[in-house]
Amino acid sequence: MATEEANKSPDLDALFAQLVEPFDPSEIKWRVTHSTQDGKRGAVIAFADPRAYTDRLNQIFTPTGWTRSYDVNTVSAVSRMKRDKVIQTGKVLLTCTLTIRGLGCHTGSGEEWADEQNAMTSAEAQAFKRSCTCFGLGRYLYNFAEMWVPLNEHRQPLQIPTLPQWALPKGSATVGKNNLATGPRPPVVQRGPIDQKTTAKIDGFRRILGDPIYGEILWRIAHARRANAIPNAQLKINVLDAMERATRGIHKANSLAEEVGDTSFVLVLERLQIRSMTTIRNLQALRRLVAELEMLAGRQAA
């Protein structure tokens, strides 16, 4: 709980005002929680990546002005339904203690099924963000009413809800300035009309290309980590074109794999240290894979 020293600080109101300030819209993501039976519409909730919380704490207090610690516990021999089957699993339980110098400390808890991928990371992020909300940081995200949006065939939003005025930062005086905690901010990019259908199309390529190549294209062309953070329509089109070109490379590799046969294809993947078609580490590795498969297919044809 917060210490009495915090109540005596003359700068308390100013600090809390900075903590409760909404995140930049580019930091906001949307998760589908449930959908209609036909899968055409879904309810979405807004959330922010833990890095947004860390950046805000660093900006206000510097990296040496706050700390966090975790207490980890597990529960085993728990049954649950997964993909219409009953499985035996467990749970990862975390408690995060966030301490801010001069303000005190608060705790938050997080949990995740042990059989889920990155269970520890998910529970850790949940616990950390919940401890932050005790200080007001990110608390406004809990105030959103349920919002429904159309979904594509991959159960992803075709359009992103518009943030209300109260969920936007009050000013942008810090844009373009340096911060000792986070380093220089990126230059301001011209923003323009955003086509949410294009955003949804770009998101749809993640499943085809895999996270490494998907992320590489986003960063190289738009200097963005997420499709909804691309600042204008032209950059979205450029990203979409690059995604389509990379997808043609994936399709070509799959087609060549059928020509050379499973055994030869697996040998090529092992030689290039590629575990699967969705974990190809970058575009260069994809081009090399296609080139080797073309060479192999040519030799077999001869």
Protein backbone atom coordinates (compact mmCIF):
# COMPACT_ATOMS: atom_id res chain seq x y z
CA MET A 1 0.00 0.00 0.00
CA ALA A 2 1.10 3.60 -0.57
CA THR A 3 3.27 5.17 2.15
CA GLU A 4 2.40 8.21 4.25
CA GLU A 5 5.42 10.04 2.81
CA ALA A 6 3.60 10.16 -0.54
CA ASN A 7 0.68 12.03 1.05
CA LYS A 8 3.06 14.76 2.23
CA SER A 9 4.67 15.32 -1.17
CA PRO A 10 3.80 18.73 -2.67
CA ASP A 11 4.21 17.26 -6.16
CA LEU A 12 1.80 14.39 -5.56
CA ASP A 13 -1.04 15.81 -7.66
CA ALA A 14 1.31 16.56 -10.57
CA LEU A 15 2.80 13.06 -10.49
CA PHE A 16 -0.58 11.36 -10.44
CA ALA A 17 -1.78 13.61 -13.27
CA GLN A 18 1.10 12.30 -15.39
CA LEU A 19 0.39 8.71 -14.38
CA VAL A 20 -3.31 8.80 -15.28
CA GLU A 21 -2.73 10.53 -18.63
CA PRO A 22 -4.02 8.21 -21.43
CA PHE A 23 -1.48 6.46 -23.64
CA ASP A 24 -0.81 7.60 -27.17
CA PRO A 25 -3.41 6.00 -29.50
CA SER A 26 -0.62 4.12 -31.31
CA GLU A 27 -0.01 2.17 -28.09
CA ILE A 28 -3.58 0.87 -27.92
CA LYS A 29 -4.39 -2.64 -29.14
CA TRP A 30 -7.73 -4.41 -29.41
CA ARG A 31 -8.54 -7.98 -28.43
CA VAL A 32 -11.66 -9.92 -29.45
CA THR A 33 -13.23 -11.42 -26.32
CA HIS A 34 -16.29 -13.12 -27.81
CA SER A 35 -18.24 -13.14 -31.06
CA THR A 36 -21.61 -13.90 -32.55
CA GLN A 37 -22.40 -17.49 -33.55
CA ASP A 38 -21.73 -16.76 -37.22
CA GLY A 39 -18.38 -15.16 -36.32
CA LYS A 40 -19.12 -11.99 -38.28
CA ARG A 41 -19.14 -9.59 -35.31
CA GLY A 42 -17.16 -9.59 -32.10
CA ALA A 43 -16.78 -7.65 -28.87
CA VAL A 44 -13.37 -6.03 -28.42
CA ILE A 45 -11.53 -4.60 -25.44
CA ALA A 46 -8.70 -2.07 -25.47
CA PHE A 47 -5.34 -2.78 -23.86
CA ALA A 48 -1.74 -1.60 -23.98
CA ASP A 49 1.51 -3.55 -24.13
CA PRO A 50 3.51 -3.71 -20.84
CA ARG A 51 6.24 -1.71 -22.57
CA ALA A 52 3.91 1.29 -22.72
CA TYR A 53 3.57 1.12 -18.92
CA THR A 54 7.33 0.75 -18.49
CA ASP A 55 8.01 3.72 -20.77
CA ARG A 56 5.61 5.93 -18.83
CA LEU A 57 7.23 5.01 -15.49
CA ASN A 58 10.68 5.67 -16.95
CA GLN A 59 9.59 9.02 -18.35
CA ILE A 60 8.18 10.23 -15.05
CA PHE A 61 10.49 8.67 -12.47
CA THR A 62 13.57 7.57 -14.54
CA PRO A 63 14.58 3.89 -14.57
CA THR A 64 16.14 4.21 -11.10
CA GLY A 65 13.02 5.71 -9.53
CA TRP A 66 10.90 2.57 -9.51
CA THR A 67 11.28 -1.19 -9.17
CA ARG A 68 9.12 -4.28 -9.47
CA SER A 69 9.43 -7.76 -8.02
CA TYR A 70 7.50 -10.97 -8.61
CA ASP A 71 6.30 -13.81 -6.43
CA VAL A 72 5.63 -16.94 -8.50
CA ASN A 73 3.43 -19.89 -7.56
CA THR A 74 1.96 -22.80 -9.49
CA VAL A 75 -1.10 -24.98 -9.13
CA SER A 76 -0.95 -28.47 -10.64
CA ALA A 77 -3.40 -31.26 -11.47
CA VAL A 78 -6.17 -28.96 -12.71
CA SER A 79 -8.67 -30.07 -15.36
CA ARG A 80 -10.07 -27.77 -18.01
CA MET A 81 -11.76 -27.83 -21.40
CA LYS A 82 -9.56 -27.04 -24.38
CA ARG A 83 -10.69 -27.47 -27.98
CA ASP A 84 -13.70 -29.47 -26.77
CA LYS A 85 -11.49 -31.88 -24.80
CA VAL A 86 -10.84 -32.23 -21.08
CA ILE A 87 -7.10 -31.95 -20.36
CA GLN A 88 -4.98 -32.11 -17.22
CA THR A 89 -2.95 -28.96 -16.75
CA GLY A 90 -2.00 -26.40 -14.12
CA LYS A 91 -1.90 -22.67 -13.52
CA VAL A 92 0.87 -20.12 -13.20
CA LEU A 93 0.10 -17.53 -10.51
CA LEU A 94 2.14 -14.33 -10.16
CA THR A 95 2.05 -11.38 -7.80
CA CYS A 96 3.86 -8.22 -8.88
CA THR A 97 4.94 -5.62 -6.34
CA LEU A 98 5.51 -2.23 -7.95
CA THR A 99 7.45 0.25 -5.84
CA ILE A 100 7.77 3.91 -6.83
CA ARG A 101 10.21 6.02 -4.86
CA GLY A 102 8.32 8.57 -2.80
CA LEU A 103 4.89 7.10 -3.60
CA GLY A 104 5.07 3.67 -2.01
CA CYS A 105 4.13 0.29 -3.43
CA HIS A 106 1.12 -1.60 -4.74
CA THR A 107 0.62 -5.21 -5.79
CA GLY A 108 -1.26 -6.86 -8.63
CA SER A 109 -1.90 -10.49 -9.50
CA GLY A 110 -1.88 -12.39 -12.78
CA GLU A 111 -2.58 -15.95 -13.85
CA GLU A 112 -2.50 -18.15 -16.94
CA TRP A 113 -3.08 -21.79 -17.78
CA ALA A 114 0.25 -23.63 -17.74
CA ASP A 115 -0.43 -25.33 -21.09
CA GLU A 116 -0.76 -22.01 -22.91
CA GLN A 117 2.20 -20.73 -24.91
CA ASN A 118 4.23 -18.11 -22.99
CA ALA A 119 2.14 -18.70 -19.86
CA MET A 120 4.70 -17.08 -17.57
CA THR A 121 5.02 -13.99 -19.78
CA SER A 122 1.23 -13.54 -19.95
CA ALA A 123 0.79 -13.88 -16.19
CA GLU A 124 3.70 -11.52 -15.57
CA ALA A 125 2.28 -8.84 -17.89
CA GLN A 126 -1.16 -9.10 -16.29
CA ALA A 127 0.24 -8.79 -12.76
CA PHE A 128 2.49 -5.85 -13.67
CA LYS A 129 -0.29 -3.88 -15.39
CA ARG A 130 -2.69 -4.50 -12.52
CA SER A 131 -0.15 -3.16 -10.02
CA CYS A 132 0.27 -0.08 -12.25
CA THR A 133 -3.47 0.61 -12.26
CA CYS A 134 -3.36 0.94 -8.46
CA PHE A 135 -1.34 4.12 -9.08
CA GLY A 136 -3.76 5.20 -11.83
CA LEU A 137 -1.54 4.21 -14.75
CA GLY A 138 -3.70 2.60 -17.46
CA ARG A 139 -6.74 2.61 -15.18
CA TYR A 140 -8.85 4.42 -17.80
CA LEU A 141 -8.73 1.35 -20.06
CA TYR A 142 -11.18 -0.36 -17.68
CA ASN A 143 -13.76 2.38 -18.36
CA PHE A 144 -14.53 1.39 -21.95
CA ALA A 145 -18.03 0.09 -22.59
CA GLU A 146 -18.37 -3.12 -24.60
CA MET A 147 -17.85 -2.37 -28.29
CA TRP A 148 -18.78 -4.61 -31.22
CA VAL A 149 -17.01 -4.55 -34.59
CA PRO A 150 -17.20 -6.66 -37.77
CA LEU A 151 -14.70 -9.54 -37.98
CA ASN A 152 -12.90 -11.17 -40.89
CA GLU A 153 -12.67 -14.91 -41.51
CA HIS A 154 -9.72 -15.11 -39.10
CA ARG A 155 -11.76 -13.61 -36.24
CA GLN A 156 -9.84 -10.35 -36.46
CA PRO A 157 -11.42 -6.87 -36.42
CA LEU A 158 -12.17 -5.38 -39.81
CA GLN A 159 -12.29 -1.95 -38.20
CA ILE A 160 -10.92 -0.46 -35.01
CA PRO A 161 -13.20 1.54 -32.67
CA THR A 162 -12.59 5.27 -32.49
CA LEU A 163 -11.17 6.32 -29.15
CA PRO A 164 -13.38 8.79 -27.25
CA GLN A 165 -11.95 12.19 -26.37
CA TRP A 166 -11.47 11.26 -22.71
CA ALA A 167 -9.23 8.35 -23.77
CA LEU A 168 -6.79 10.59 -25.69
CA PRO A 169 -3.75 12.36 -24.22
CA LYS A 170 -4.39 16.03 -23.55
CA GLY A 171 -1.42 17.39 -25.48
CA SER A 172 1.59 16.42 -27.56
CA ALA A 173 4.15 18.84 -26.18
CA THR A 174 6.69 16.05 -25.69
CA VAL A 175 6.53 14.75 -29.26
CA GLY A 176 9.90 15.00 -30.95
CA LYS A 177 11.78 15.73 -27.72
CA ASN A 178 14.43 13.60 -26.09
CA ASN A 179 13.86 11.80 -22.82
CA LEU A 180 16.70 10.58 -20.64
CA ALA A 181 14.83 7.38 -19.84
CA THR A 182 13.70 6.33 -23.30
CA GLY A 183 16.11 8.13 -25.62
CA PRO A 184 15.21 10.32 -28.60
CA ARG A 185 11.66 10.05 -29.85
CA PRO A 186 11.17 9.13 -33.53
CA PRO A 187 10.52 12.00 -35.91
CA VAL A 188 6.90 12.95 -36.51
CA VAL A 189 5.49 11.15 -39.54
CA GLN A 190 2.79 12.77 -41.63
CA ARG A 191 -0.54 11.28 -40.64
CA GLY A 192 -3.53 11.00 -42.89
CA PRO A 193 -6.76 9.11 -43.55
CA ILE A 194 -6.64 5.51 -42.34
CA ASP A 195 -8.41 2.69 -44.18
CA GLN A 196 -9.32 0.12 -41.52
CA LYS A 197 -9.97 -2.52 -44.19
CA THR A 198 -6.34 -2.22 -45.26
CA THR A 199 -5.28 -2.54 -41.64
CA ALA A 200 -7.28 -5.76 -41.32
CA LYS A 201 -5.76 -7.12 -44.54
CA ILE A 202 -2.27 -6.43 -43.21
CA ASP A 203 -3.11 -8.16 -39.93
CA GLY A 204 -4.31 -11.18 -41.90
CA PHE A 205 -0.82 -11.76 -43.29
CA ARG A 206 0.61 -12.49 -39.83
CA ARG A 207 -0.83 -16.01 -39.91
CA ILE A 208 0.60 -16.67 -43.39
CA LEU A 209 4.04 -15.10 -43.00
CA GLY A 210 4.67 -15.77 -39.32
CA ASP A 211 5.67 -13.17 -36.73
CA PRO A 212 9.34 -12.69 -37.77
CA ILE A 213 8.74 -11.73 -41.42
CA TYR A 214 5.48 -9.92 -40.62
CA GLY A 215 7.30 -7.79 -38.05
CA GLU A 216 10.29 -7.19 -40.33
CA ILE A 217 8.10 -5.76 -43.10
CA LEU A 218 6.17 -3.52 -40.71
CA TRP A 219 9.36 -2.10 -39.24
CA ARG A 220 11.32 -1.71 -42.46
CA ILE A 221 8.61 0.11 -44.38
CA ALA A 222 6.51 1.91 -41.75
CA HIS A 223 8.76 1.85 -38.68
CA ALA A 224 5.81 0.38 -36.80
CA ARG A 225 5.32 -2.66 -34.59
CA ARG A 226 1.60 -3.08 -35.32
CA ALA A 227 -0.60 -2.55 -38.34
CA ASN A 228 -2.85 -0.07 -36.51
CA ALA A 229 0.23 2.03 -35.69
CA ILE A 230 1.04 2.75 -39.35
CA PRO A 231 0.41 6.51 -39.54
CA ASN A 232 -1.08 7.02 -42.99
CA ALA A 233 -2.85 5.31 -45.85
CA GLN A 234 0.08 5.44 -48.29
CA LEU A 235 2.41 3.64 -45.90
CA LYS A 236 -0.31 1.05 -45.31
CA ILE A 237 -0.50 0.42 -49.06
CA ASN A 238 3.29 0.09 -49.23
CA VAL A 239 3.25 -2.40 -46.36
CA LEU A 240 0.38 -4.33 -47.94
CA ASP A 241 2.28 -4.62 -51.24
CA ALA A 242 5.34 -5.94 -49.42
CA MET A 243 3.22 -8.44 -47.48
CA GLU A 244 1.69 -9.70 -50.74
CA ARG A 245 5.14 -10.12 -52.33
CA ALA A 246 6.38 -12.07 -49.30
CA THR A 247 3.24 -14.22 -49.40
CA ARG A 248 3.93 -15.10 -53.02
CA GLY A 249 7.35 -16.26 -51.84
CA ILE A 250 5.73 -18.47 -49.19
CA HIS A 251 3.30 -19.93 -51.73
CA LYS A 252 6.14 -20.58 -54.17
CA ALA A 253 8.15 -22.36 -51.46
CA ASN A 254 5.13 -24.54 -50.61
CA SER A 255 4.59 -25.35 -54.29
CA LEU A 256 8.25 -26.29 -54.73
CA ALA A 257 8.06 -28.41 -51.57
CA GLU A 258 5.39 -30.53 -53.24
CA GLU A 259 7.63 -30.96 -56.29
CA VAL A 260 10.73 -32.07 -54.40
CA GLY A 261 8.87 -34.24 -51.88
CA ASP A 262 8.62 -34.20 -48.11
CA THR A 263 11.97 -35.84 -47.39
CA SER A 264 14.01 -33.43 -49.52
CA PHE A 265 11.99 -30.46 -48.26
CA VAL A 266 12.65 -31.33 -44.62
CA LEU A 267 16.37 -31.73 -45.35
CA VAL A 268 16.46 -28.24 -46.88
CA LEU A 269 14.65 -26.77 -43.87
CA GLU A 270 17.10 -28.44 -41.50
CA ARG A 271 20.09 -27.22 -43.48
CA LEU A 272 18.79 -23.64 -43.37
CA GLN A 273 17.81 -24.03 -39.68
CA ILE A 274 14.14 -23.30 -40.37
CA ARG A 275 11.77 -25.04 -37.99
CA SER A 276 8.57 -24.33 -39.94
CA MET A 277 7.18 -22.08 -42.66
CA THR A 278 5.75 -19.68 -40.06
CA THR A 279 9.05 -19.27 -38.18
CA ILE A 280 11.30 -18.22 -41.08
CA ARG A 281 13.52 -15.66 -39.38
CA ASN A 282 13.59 -12.99 -42.13
CA LEU A 283 13.00 -12.21 -45.81
CA GLN A 284 16.56 -13.09 -46.70
CA ALA A 285 16.08 -16.59 -45.29
CA LEU A 286 12.83 -16.92 -47.30
CA ARG A 287 14.61 -15.94 -50.52
CA ARG A 288 17.38 -18.44 -49.82
CA LEU A 289 14.81 -21.17 -49.15
CA VAL A 290 13.05 -20.52 -52.46
CA ALA A 291 16.38 -20.46 -54.32
CA GLU A 292 17.52 -23.80 -52.86
CA LEU A 293 14.16 -25.44 -53.57
CA GLU A 294 14.23 -24.16 -57.17
CA MET A 295 17.74 -25.58 -57.62
CA LEU A 296 16.69 -28.92 -56.13
CA ALA A 297 13.52 -29.09 -58.25
CA GLY A 298 15.58 -28.32 -61.36
CA ARG A 299 18.04 -31.13 -60.64
CA GLN A 300 15.23 -33.60 -60.05
CA ALA A 301 13.52 -32.57 -63.29
CA ALA A 302 16.75 -33.08 -65.20
